[in-house]
Amino acid sequence: MPLFRFVFEEGAVIEDMPSIEFPDYDAAIDAAKKAARETMIDAVLEGHDPTAWLVRIYNEPGDLLKTVFVADLLRPKTE
């Protein structure tokens, strides 16, 4: 399975997670969104405003694949 790395940028704090295996790109993106939601909930409970936070997803060679903006997770889904 391919490896993906998540980098959480929470204001000035950057948390670089170790690489994780996922079956594919879509599974990695879904996991990044889930992790961002969990981080957002924790942040709000602690009195922080996470709307400017983001998660960057990189593949094994280090190419940036996608940036997930926490603020986008707060918007209703449109179809």
N, C-alpha and C. Protein backbone atom coordinates (compact mmCIF):
# COMPACT_ATOMS: atom_id res chain seq x y z
N MET A 1 0.85 -1.18 0.00
CA MET A 1 0.00 0.00 0.00
C MET A 1 0.90 1.24 0.00
N PRO A 2 0.44 2.30 -0.68
CA PRO A 2 1.23 3.52 -0.70
C PRO A 2 1.25 4.23 0.65
N LEU A 3 2.31 4.97 0.89
CA LEU A 3 2.45 5.75 2.11
C LEU A 3 2.05 7.19 1.86
N PHE A 4 1.40 7.78 2.86
CA PHE A 4 1.00 9.19 2.81
C PHE A 4 1.39 9.84 4.12
N ARG A 5 1.72 11.12 4.06
CA ARG A 5 2.12 11.86 5.26
C ARG A 5 1.21 13.07 5.39
N PHE A 6 0.73 13.31 6.62
CA PHE A 6 -0.12 14.47 6.92
C PHE A 6 0.70 15.49 7.69
N VAL A 7 0.58 16.75 7.31
CA VAL A 7 1.20 17.85 8.05
C VAL A 7 0.07 18.78 8.47
N PHE A 8 -0.10 18.92 9.79
CA PHE A 8 -1.14 19.78 10.35
C PHE A 8 -0.55 21.14 10.63
N GLU A 9 -1.16 22.18 10.09
CA GLU A 9 -0.73 23.54 10.37
C GLU A 9 -1.82 24.22 11.17
N GLU A 10 -1.53 24.45 12.42
CA GLU A 10 -2.50 25.02 13.35
C GLU A 10 -1.99 26.38 13.79
N GLY A 11 -2.26 27.39 12.99
CA GLY A 11 -1.69 28.70 13.27
C GLY A 11 -0.20 28.65 13.01
N ALA A 12 0.60 28.93 14.01
CA ALA A 12 2.06 28.90 13.86
C ALA A 12 2.63 27.52 14.17
N VAL A 13 1.81 26.62 14.70
CA VAL A 13 2.28 25.30 15.09
C VAL A 13 2.11 24.33 13.92
N ILE A 14 3.17 23.65 13.57
CA ILE A 14 3.09 22.66 12.50
C ILE A 14 3.42 21.30 13.10
N GLU A 15 2.53 20.35 12.90
CA GLU A 15 2.72 18.99 13.38
C GLU A 15 2.86 18.07 12.18
N ASP A 16 4.02 17.48 12.06
CA ASP A 16 4.33 16.59 10.94
C ASP A 16 4.17 15.15 11.43
N MET A 17 3.17 14.47 10.92
CA MET A 17 2.89 13.11 11.36
C MET A 17 3.75 12.11 10.58
N PRO A 18 4.07 10.97 11.19
CA PRO A 18 4.79 9.94 10.44
C PRO A 18 3.93 9.41 9.29
N SER A 19 4.56 8.88 8.29
CA SER A 19 3.84 8.34 7.13
C SER A 19 2.95 7.17 7.54
N ILE A 20 1.79 7.09 6.86
CA ILE A 20 0.80 6.05 7.14
C ILE A 20 0.41 5.40 5.82
N GLU A 21 0.20 4.10 5.85
CA GLU A 21 -0.25 3.39 4.65
C GLU A 21 -1.75 3.52 4.49
N PHE A 22 -2.18 3.77 3.25
CA PHE A 22 -3.59 3.77 2.89
C PHE A 22 -3.71 3.04 1.57
N PRO A 23 -4.87 2.45 1.30
CA PRO A 23 -5.04 1.71 0.05
C PRO A 23 -4.86 2.58 -1.19
N ASP A 24 -5.28 3.87 -1.06
CA ASP A 24 -5.20 4.75 -2.22
C ASP A 24 -5.32 6.20 -1.78
N TYR A 25 -5.24 7.08 -2.77
CA TYR A 25 -5.31 8.52 -2.56
C TYR A 25 -6.61 8.92 -1.86
N ASP A 26 -7.75 8.39 -2.32
CA ASP A 26 -9.05 8.76 -1.75
C ASP A 26 -9.15 8.38 -0.27
N ALA A 27 -8.62 7.23 0.08
CA ALA A 27 -8.64 6.80 1.49
C ALA A 27 -7.79 7.73 2.34
N ALA A 28 -6.66 8.18 1.81
CA ALA A 28 -5.80 9.11 2.53
C ALA A 28 -6.50 10.45 2.74
N ILE A 29 -7.18 10.93 1.71
CA ILE A 29 -7.91 12.21 1.82
C ILE A 29 -9.02 12.09 2.85
N ASP A 30 -9.77 11.00 2.82
CA ASP A 30 -10.85 10.79 3.80
C ASP A 30 -10.29 10.77 5.22
N ALA A 31 -9.16 10.09 5.42
CA ALA A 31 -8.55 10.03 6.75
C ALA A 31 -8.06 11.40 7.19
N ALA A 32 -7.51 12.19 6.27
CA ALA A 32 -7.04 13.54 6.61
C ALA A 32 -8.22 14.42 7.03
N LYS A 33 -9.34 14.31 6.32
CA LYS A 33 -10.53 15.09 6.68
C LYS A 33 -11.06 14.68 8.04
N LYS A 34 -11.07 13.37 8.30
CA LYS A 34 -11.54 12.89 9.60
C LYS A 34 -10.64 13.40 10.72
N ALA A 35 -9.33 13.34 10.52
CA ALA A 35 -8.39 13.83 11.53
C ALA A 35 -8.56 15.33 11.74
N ALA A 36 -8.78 16.08 10.66
CA ALA A 36 -8.99 17.52 10.77
C ALA A 36 -10.26 17.83 11.56
N ARG A 37 -11.32 17.07 11.31
CA ARG A 37 -12.57 17.27 12.07
C ARG A 37 -12.35 17.01 13.55
N GLU A 38 -11.65 15.94 13.88
CA GLU A 38 -11.39 15.61 15.28
C GLU A 38 -10.55 16.69 15.95
N THR A 39 -9.55 17.18 15.23
CA THR A 39 -8.70 18.25 15.75
C THR A 39 -9.53 19.52 15.96
N MET A 40 -10.42 19.80 15.02
CA MET A 40 -11.26 20.98 15.10
C MET A 40 -12.16 20.92 16.33
N ILE A 41 -12.76 19.78 16.56
CA ILE A 41 -13.65 19.62 17.72
C ILE A 41 -12.88 19.84 19.00
N ASP A 42 -11.70 19.21 19.11
CA ASP A 42 -10.87 19.39 20.30
C ASP A 42 -10.49 20.86 20.49
N ALA A 43 -10.14 21.53 19.40
CA ALA A 43 -9.72 22.93 19.47
C ALA A 43 -10.85 23.81 19.98
N VAL A 44 -12.05 23.60 19.45
CA VAL A 44 -13.20 24.41 19.87
C VAL A 44 -13.49 24.18 21.35
N LEU A 45 -13.42 22.93 21.78
CA LEU A 45 -13.66 22.63 23.20
C LEU A 45 -12.63 23.28 24.10
N GLU A 46 -11.42 23.51 23.57
CA GLU A 46 -10.35 24.15 24.34
C GLU A 46 -10.34 25.66 24.17
N GLY A 47 -11.32 26.20 23.43
CA GLY A 47 -11.44 27.64 23.27
C GLY A 47 -10.63 28.24 22.13
N HIS A 48 -10.16 27.42 21.21
CA HIS A 48 -9.39 27.92 20.06
C HIS A 48 -10.30 28.08 18.84
N ASP A 49 -9.85 28.92 17.91
CA ASP A 49 -10.56 29.09 16.64
C ASP A 49 -9.75 28.39 15.55
N PRO A 50 -10.18 27.21 15.11
CA PRO A 50 -9.39 26.44 14.15
C PRO A 50 -9.70 26.74 12.68
N THR A 51 -10.46 27.77 12.40
CA THR A 51 -10.92 27.99 11.03
C THR A 51 -9.79 28.29 10.04
N ALA A 52 -8.64 28.74 10.51
CA ALA A 52 -7.51 29.01 9.60
C ALA A 52 -6.56 27.82 9.51
N TRP A 53 -6.84 26.76 10.23
CA TRP A 53 -5.95 25.59 10.24
C TRP A 53 -6.10 24.80 8.95
N LEU A 54 -5.09 24.00 8.65
CA LEU A 54 -5.15 23.17 7.45
C LEU A 54 -4.33 21.89 7.64
N VAL A 55 -4.58 20.95 6.75
CA VAL A 55 -3.84 19.69 6.72
C VAL A 55 -3.33 19.51 5.29
N ARG A 56 -2.03 19.28 5.17
CA ARG A 56 -1.45 19.00 3.85
C ARG A 56 -1.17 17.51 3.76
N ILE A 57 -1.49 16.92 2.61
CA ILE A 57 -1.28 15.49 2.40
C ILE A 57 -0.20 15.33 1.33
N TYR A 58 0.84 14.57 1.69
CA TYR A 58 1.97 14.32 0.79
C TYR A 58 2.05 12.82 0.49
N ASN A 59 2.54 12.49 -0.71
CA ASN A 59 2.79 11.09 -1.02
C ASN A 59 4.19 10.71 -0.55
N GLU A 60 4.56 9.47 -0.77
CA GLU A 60 5.85 8.96 -0.27
C GLU A 60 7.05 9.73 -0.82
N PRO A 61 7.06 10.12 -2.10
CA PRO A 61 8.20 10.90 -2.60
C PRO A 61 8.23 12.34 -2.07
N GLY A 62 7.14 12.79 -1.41
CA GLY A 62 7.11 14.13 -0.85
C GLY A 62 6.37 15.15 -1.67
N ASP A 63 5.62 14.69 -2.68
CA ASP A 63 4.81 15.61 -3.49
C ASP A 63 3.54 15.98 -2.72
N LEU A 64 3.22 17.28 -2.72
CA LEU A 64 1.98 17.73 -2.11
C LEU A 64 0.82 17.28 -2.99
N LEU A 65 -0.11 16.50 -2.41
CA LEU A 65 -1.25 15.99 -3.17
C LEU A 65 -2.50 16.83 -2.98
N LYS A 66 -2.70 17.31 -1.77
CA LYS A 66 -3.92 18.06 -1.48
C LYS A 66 -3.74 18.83 -0.18
N THR A 67 -4.43 19.94 -0.09
CA THR A 67 -4.52 20.71 1.14
C THR A 67 -5.97 20.72 1.57
N VAL A 68 -6.23 20.29 2.80
CA VAL A 68 -7.57 20.29 3.36
C VAL A 68 -7.65 21.47 4.33
N PHE A 69 -8.54 22.41 4.03
CA PHE A 69 -8.73 23.57 4.88
C PHE A 69 -9.85 23.25 5.88
N VAL A 70 -9.56 23.43 7.17
CA VAL A 70 -10.55 23.12 8.20
C VAL A 70 -11.81 23.94 7.98
N ALA A 71 -11.68 25.18 7.56
CA ALA A 71 -12.86 26.02 7.33
C ALA A 71 -13.80 25.40 6.29
N ASP A 72 -13.24 24.70 5.29
CA ASP A 72 -14.07 24.05 4.28
C ASP A 72 -14.90 22.92 4.88
N LEU A 73 -14.42 22.33 5.95
CA LEU A 73 -15.15 21.23 6.59
C LEU A 73 -16.37 21.74 7.35
N LEU A 74 -16.42 23.04 7.60
CA LEU A 74 -17.54 23.64 8.30
C LEU A 74 -18.68 24.01 7.37
N ARG A 75 -18.40 24.06 6.08
CA ARG A 75 -19.42 24.42 5.10
C ARG A 75 -20.31 23.22 4.79
N PRO A 76 -21.60 23.48 4.56
CA PRO A 76 -22.48 22.36 4.19
C PRO A 76 -22.08 21.81 2.83
N LYS A 77 -22.24 20.52 2.66
CA LYS A 77 -21.95 19.87 1.38
C LYS A 77 -23.00 20.26 0.37
N THR A 78 -22.55 20.57 -0.83
CA THR A 78 -23.47 20.85 -1.92
C THR A 78 -23.37 19.74 -2.94
N GLU A 79 -24.47 19.43 -3.55
CA GLU A 79 -24.45 18.34 -4.53
C GLU A 79 -24.81 18.81 -5.89
